[in-house]
Amino acid sequence: MLSVKANLIIALAIGAIISAVLLALEPFTDYAFLSWEWAGISAAYLFWGAAGGSTFFGIAICWVVNALTYGLCAFAILSVVSALKLPIDPKA
């Protein structure tokens, strides 16, 4: 059984991979998956409008926010799966 820390690390890695794949697919799919990146796009747009930052930092913020969003979902799924794997002790 994995610990919470291990589940968190795995979930963040899964979120980072999903976010990177979505960002890489955007130009090739004519931005068909843009709705899947809504949280990151909103954060990047807010940063760009409020701070006048560069495009590179906007893309980096988009990637990080999407990685955290998808990582949170993956963490919830991993936590449920590991909780279902807990041994049931009838003596307790």
N, C-alpha and C. Protein backbone atom coordinates (compact mmCIF):
# COMPACT_ATOMS: atom_id res chain seq x y z
N MET A 1 0.85 -1.17 0.00
CA MET A 1 0.00 0.00 0.00
C MET A 1 0.90 1.24 0.00
N LEU A 2 0.55 2.21 -0.81
CA LEU A 2 1.32 3.43 -0.93
C LEU A 2 0.92 4.43 0.15
N SER A 3 1.90 5.22 0.57
CA SER A 3 1.61 6.26 1.55
C SER A 3 0.98 7.46 0.86
N VAL A 4 0.52 8.41 1.64
CA VAL A 4 -0.10 9.62 1.11
C VAL A 4 0.94 10.42 0.32
N LYS A 5 2.16 10.46 0.83
CA LYS A 5 3.22 11.19 0.14
C LYS A 5 3.52 10.57 -1.22
N ALA A 6 3.56 9.26 -1.28
CA ALA A 6 3.81 8.58 -2.56
C ALA A 6 2.65 8.82 -3.52
N ASN A 7 1.42 8.76 -3.02
CA ASN A 7 0.25 9.05 -3.86
C ASN A 7 0.29 10.47 -4.39
N LEU A 8 0.70 11.42 -3.57
CA LEU A 8 0.78 12.81 -3.98
C LEU A 8 1.83 13.00 -5.07
N ILE A 9 2.98 12.39 -4.91
CA ILE A 9 4.05 12.51 -5.92
C ILE A 9 3.60 11.89 -7.24
N ILE A 10 3.00 10.72 -7.18
CA ILE A 10 2.51 10.05 -8.39
C ILE A 10 1.43 10.90 -9.06
N ALA A 11 0.53 11.45 -8.27
CA ALA A 11 -0.56 12.26 -8.81
C ALA A 11 -0.04 13.53 -9.47
N LEU A 12 0.93 14.18 -8.86
CA LEU A 12 1.51 15.39 -9.46
C LEU A 12 2.24 15.06 -10.75
N ALA A 13 2.91 13.92 -10.80
CA ALA A 13 3.58 13.51 -12.03
C ALA A 13 2.55 13.22 -13.13
N ILE A 14 1.46 12.57 -12.78
CA ILE A 14 0.40 12.31 -13.75
C ILE A 14 -0.20 13.63 -14.25
N GLY A 15 -0.45 14.56 -13.35
CA GLY A 15 -0.99 15.87 -13.73
C GLY A 15 -0.04 16.63 -14.64
N ALA A 16 1.25 16.57 -14.36
CA ALA A 16 2.24 17.25 -15.20
C ALA A 16 2.29 16.64 -16.59
N ILE A 17 2.19 15.34 -16.68
CA ILE A 17 2.22 14.67 -17.98
C ILE A 17 0.96 15.02 -18.79
N ILE A 18 -0.20 14.97 -18.15
CA ILE A 18 -1.44 15.32 -18.85
C ILE A 18 -1.40 16.76 -19.33
N SER A 19 -0.93 17.67 -18.49
CA SER A 19 -0.86 19.07 -18.86
C SER A 19 0.11 19.29 -20.02
N ALA A 20 1.25 18.62 -19.99
CA ALA A 20 2.23 18.76 -21.07
C ALA A 20 1.68 18.21 -22.38
N VAL A 21 0.98 17.09 -22.32
CA VAL A 21 0.40 16.50 -23.54
C VAL A 21 -0.67 17.43 -24.12
N LEU A 22 -1.51 17.99 -23.26
CA LEU A 22 -2.55 18.90 -23.75
C LEU A 22 -1.94 20.14 -24.39
N LEU A 23 -0.90 20.70 -23.78
CA LEU A 23 -0.25 21.87 -24.37
C LEU A 23 0.45 21.53 -25.68
N ALA A 24 1.00 20.35 -25.78
CA ALA A 24 1.70 19.96 -27.00
C ALA A 24 0.72 19.67 -28.13
N LEU A 25 -0.47 19.18 -27.81
CA LEU A 25 -1.45 18.83 -28.83
C LEU A 25 -2.22 20.02 -29.39
N GLU A 26 -2.23 21.14 -28.70
CA GLU A 26 -3.07 22.26 -29.10
C GLU A 26 -2.83 22.74 -30.53
N PRO A 27 -1.60 23.01 -30.95
CA PRO A 27 -1.43 23.51 -32.33
C PRO A 27 -1.79 22.47 -33.39
N PHE A 28 -1.62 21.21 -33.08
CA PHE A 28 -1.87 20.16 -34.06
C PHE A 28 -3.36 19.83 -34.20
N THR A 29 -4.15 20.12 -33.18
CA THR A 29 -5.58 19.81 -33.20
C THR A 29 -6.44 21.06 -33.43
N ASP A 30 -5.81 22.15 -33.81
CA ASP A 30 -6.50 23.42 -34.05
C ASP A 30 -7.25 23.87 -32.80
N TYR A 31 -6.63 23.69 -31.68
CA TYR A 31 -7.14 24.12 -30.37
C TYR A 31 -8.48 23.48 -30.02
N ALA A 32 -8.63 22.22 -30.37
CA ALA A 32 -9.88 21.50 -30.07
C ALA A 32 -9.99 21.13 -28.59
N PHE A 33 -8.86 20.99 -27.89
CA PHE A 33 -8.87 20.60 -26.48
C PHE A 33 -8.71 21.79 -25.54
N LEU A 34 -8.96 22.98 -26.04
CA LEU A 34 -8.75 24.18 -25.23
C LEU A 34 -9.68 24.21 -24.01
N SER A 35 -10.86 23.64 -24.12
CA SER A 35 -11.79 23.64 -22.98
C SER A 35 -11.27 22.76 -21.84
N TRP A 36 -10.42 21.79 -22.14
CA TRP A 36 -9.85 20.94 -21.09
C TRP A 36 -8.79 21.69 -20.29
N GLU A 37 -8.31 22.79 -20.82
CA GLU A 37 -7.26 23.57 -20.15
C GLU A 37 -7.81 24.86 -19.58
N TRP A 38 -9.09 24.92 -19.34
CA TRP A 38 -9.72 26.18 -18.97
C TRP A 38 -9.13 26.81 -17.71
N ALA A 39 -8.84 26.04 -16.69
CA ALA A 39 -8.29 26.62 -15.45
C ALA A 39 -6.93 27.26 -15.71
N GLY A 40 -6.08 26.57 -16.43
CA GLY A 40 -4.75 27.11 -16.72
C GLY A 40 -4.79 28.30 -17.65
N ILE A 41 -5.65 28.24 -18.65
CA ILE A 41 -5.79 29.36 -19.59
C ILE A 41 -6.30 30.60 -18.87
N SER A 42 -7.25 30.41 -17.97
CA SER A 42 -7.78 31.54 -17.20
C SER A 42 -6.71 32.18 -16.32
N ALA A 43 -5.92 31.35 -15.66
CA ALA A 43 -4.85 31.88 -14.81
C ALA A 43 -3.80 32.60 -15.65
N ALA A 44 -3.45 32.05 -16.80
CA ALA A 44 -2.46 32.69 -17.67
C ALA A 44 -2.99 34.01 -18.22
N TYR A 45 -4.26 34.03 -18.59
CA TYR A 45 -4.86 35.26 -19.11
C TYR A 45 -4.91 36.33 -18.02
N LEU A 46 -5.24 35.94 -16.80
CA LEU A 46 -5.26 36.88 -15.68
C LEU A 46 -3.87 37.44 -15.43
N PHE A 47 -2.86 36.57 -15.45
CA PHE A 47 -1.48 37.01 -15.25
C PHE A 47 -1.06 37.96 -16.36
N TRP A 48 -1.37 37.60 -17.60
CA TRP A 48 -0.95 38.41 -18.73
C TRP A 48 -1.63 39.78 -18.69
N GLY A 49 -2.92 39.80 -18.34
CA GLY A 49 -3.64 41.07 -18.29
C GLY A 49 -3.26 41.93 -17.09
N ALA A 50 -3.04 41.30 -15.95
CA ALA A 50 -2.75 42.07 -14.74
C ALA A 50 -1.30 42.52 -14.67
N ALA A 51 -0.39 41.63 -15.02
CA ALA A 51 1.02 41.95 -14.87
C ALA A 51 1.69 42.33 -16.18
N GLY A 52 1.04 42.09 -17.29
CA GLY A 52 1.66 42.38 -18.57
C GLY A 52 2.88 41.52 -18.82
N GLY A 53 2.84 40.31 -18.31
CA GLY A 53 3.98 39.41 -18.42
C GLY A 53 4.16 38.86 -19.82
N SER A 54 5.25 38.15 -19.99
CA SER A 54 5.57 37.60 -21.30
C SER A 54 4.73 36.36 -21.59
N THR A 55 4.73 35.97 -22.84
CA THR A 55 3.99 34.79 -23.26
C THR A 55 4.56 33.53 -22.63
N PHE A 56 5.87 33.47 -22.51
CA PHE A 56 6.52 32.30 -21.91
C PHE A 56 6.03 32.07 -20.48
N PHE A 57 5.95 33.11 -19.68
CA PHE A 57 5.47 32.97 -18.30
C PHE A 57 3.98 32.62 -18.27
N GLY A 58 3.22 33.13 -19.23
CA GLY A 58 1.81 32.76 -19.31
C GLY A 58 1.63 31.28 -19.60
N ILE A 59 2.44 30.75 -20.52
CA ILE A 59 2.37 29.33 -20.83
C ILE A 59 2.83 28.50 -19.64
N ALA A 60 3.86 28.97 -18.95
CA ALA A 60 4.34 28.25 -17.77
C ALA A 60 3.28 28.22 -16.68
N ILE A 61 2.60 29.34 -16.46
CA ILE A 61 1.53 29.39 -15.46
C ILE A 61 0.39 28.47 -15.87
N CYS A 62 0.05 28.47 -17.15
CA CYS A 62 -1.00 27.59 -17.66
C CYS A 62 -0.64 26.13 -17.40
N TRP A 63 0.60 25.76 -17.67
CA TRP A 63 1.03 24.38 -17.48
C TRP A 63 0.98 23.99 -16.00
N VAL A 64 1.45 24.87 -15.13
CA VAL A 64 1.47 24.56 -13.70
C VAL A 64 0.06 24.44 -13.13
N VAL A 65 -0.81 25.36 -13.48
CA VAL A 65 -2.18 25.32 -12.96
C VAL A 65 -2.90 24.08 -13.47
N ASN A 66 -2.73 23.74 -14.74
CA ASN A 66 -3.35 22.52 -15.26
C ASN A 66 -2.75 21.28 -14.62
N ALA A 67 -1.45 21.28 -14.38
CA ALA A 67 -0.82 20.13 -13.73
C ALA A 67 -1.37 19.95 -12.32
N LEU A 68 -1.56 21.03 -11.59
CA LEU A 68 -2.13 20.93 -10.25
C LEU A 68 -3.60 20.50 -10.29
N THR A 69 -4.34 20.99 -11.27
CA THR A 69 -5.75 20.61 -11.39
C THR A 69 -5.89 19.12 -11.69
N TYR A 70 -5.18 18.66 -12.70
CA TYR A 70 -5.26 17.23 -13.04
C TYR A 70 -4.58 16.37 -11.99
N GLY A 71 -3.56 16.90 -11.32
CA GLY A 71 -2.91 16.17 -10.23
C GLY A 71 -3.84 15.97 -9.05
N LEU A 72 -4.67 16.97 -8.76
CA LEU A 72 -5.65 16.85 -7.67
C LEU A 72 -6.67 15.76 -7.98
N CYS A 73 -7.11 15.72 -9.22
CA CYS A 73 -8.05 14.65 -9.62
C CYS A 73 -7.39 13.28 -9.53
N ALA A 74 -6.16 13.18 -9.99
CA ALA A 74 -5.44 11.91 -9.92
C ALA A 74 -5.20 11.51 -8.47
N PHE A 75 -4.92 12.48 -7.60
CA PHE A 75 -4.70 12.19 -6.18
C PHE A 75 -5.98 11.64 -5.55
N ALA A 76 -7.12 12.22 -5.90
CA ALA A 76 -8.39 11.73 -5.36
C ALA A 76 -8.64 10.29 -5.80
N ILE A 77 -8.37 10.01 -7.06
CA ILE A 77 -8.57 8.65 -7.56
C ILE A 77 -7.61 7.68 -6.89
N LEU A 78 -6.34 8.06 -6.77
CA LEU A 78 -5.36 7.19 -6.12
C LEU A 78 -5.69 6.96 -4.65
N SER A 79 -6.20 7.98 -3.98
CA SER A 79 -6.57 7.82 -2.57
C SER A 79 -7.73 6.85 -2.40
N VAL A 80 -8.71 6.95 -3.28
CA VAL A 80 -9.85 6.04 -3.21
C VAL A 80 -9.41 4.62 -3.50
N VAL A 81 -8.56 4.45 -4.51
CA VAL A 81 -8.08 3.11 -4.86
C VAL A 81 -7.27 2.50 -3.73
N SER A 82 -6.39 3.30 -3.12
CA SER A 82 -5.59 2.75 -2.02
C SER A 82 -6.45 2.51 -0.77
N ALA A 83 -7.51 3.30 -0.59
CA ALA A 83 -8.40 3.05 0.55
C ALA A 83 -9.20 1.76 0.34
N LEU A 84 -9.53 1.46 -0.90
CA LEU A 84 -10.25 0.22 -1.18
C LEU A 84 -9.36 -1.01 -1.00
N LYS A 85 -8.05 -0.81 -1.08
CA LYS A 85 -7.12 -1.91 -0.93
C LYS A 85 -6.74 -2.18 0.52
N LEU A 86 -7.24 -1.36 1.44
CA LEU A 86 -6.91 -1.57 2.85
C LEU A 86 -7.43 -2.94 3.32
N PRO A 87 -6.63 -3.66 4.05
CA PRO A 87 -7.11 -4.95 4.55
C PRO A 87 -8.17 -4.74 5.63
N ILE A 88 -9.17 -5.53 5.58
CA ILE A 88 -10.25 -5.44 6.57
C ILE A 88 -9.90 -6.41 7.70
N ASP A 89 -9.75 -5.85 8.89
CA ASP A 89 -9.38 -6.66 10.06
C ASP A 89 -10.65 -6.95 10.86
N PRO A 90 -11.12 -8.19 10.87
CA PRO A 90 -12.36 -8.49 11.59
C PRO A 90 -12.20 -8.43 13.11
N LYS A 91 -10.97 -8.47 13.61
CA LYS A 91 -10.75 -8.42 15.06
C LYS A 91 -10.82 -7.01 15.61
N ALA A 92 -10.75 -6.00 14.77
CA ALA A 92 -10.70 -4.61 15.25
C ALA A 92 -12.05 -4.09 15.64
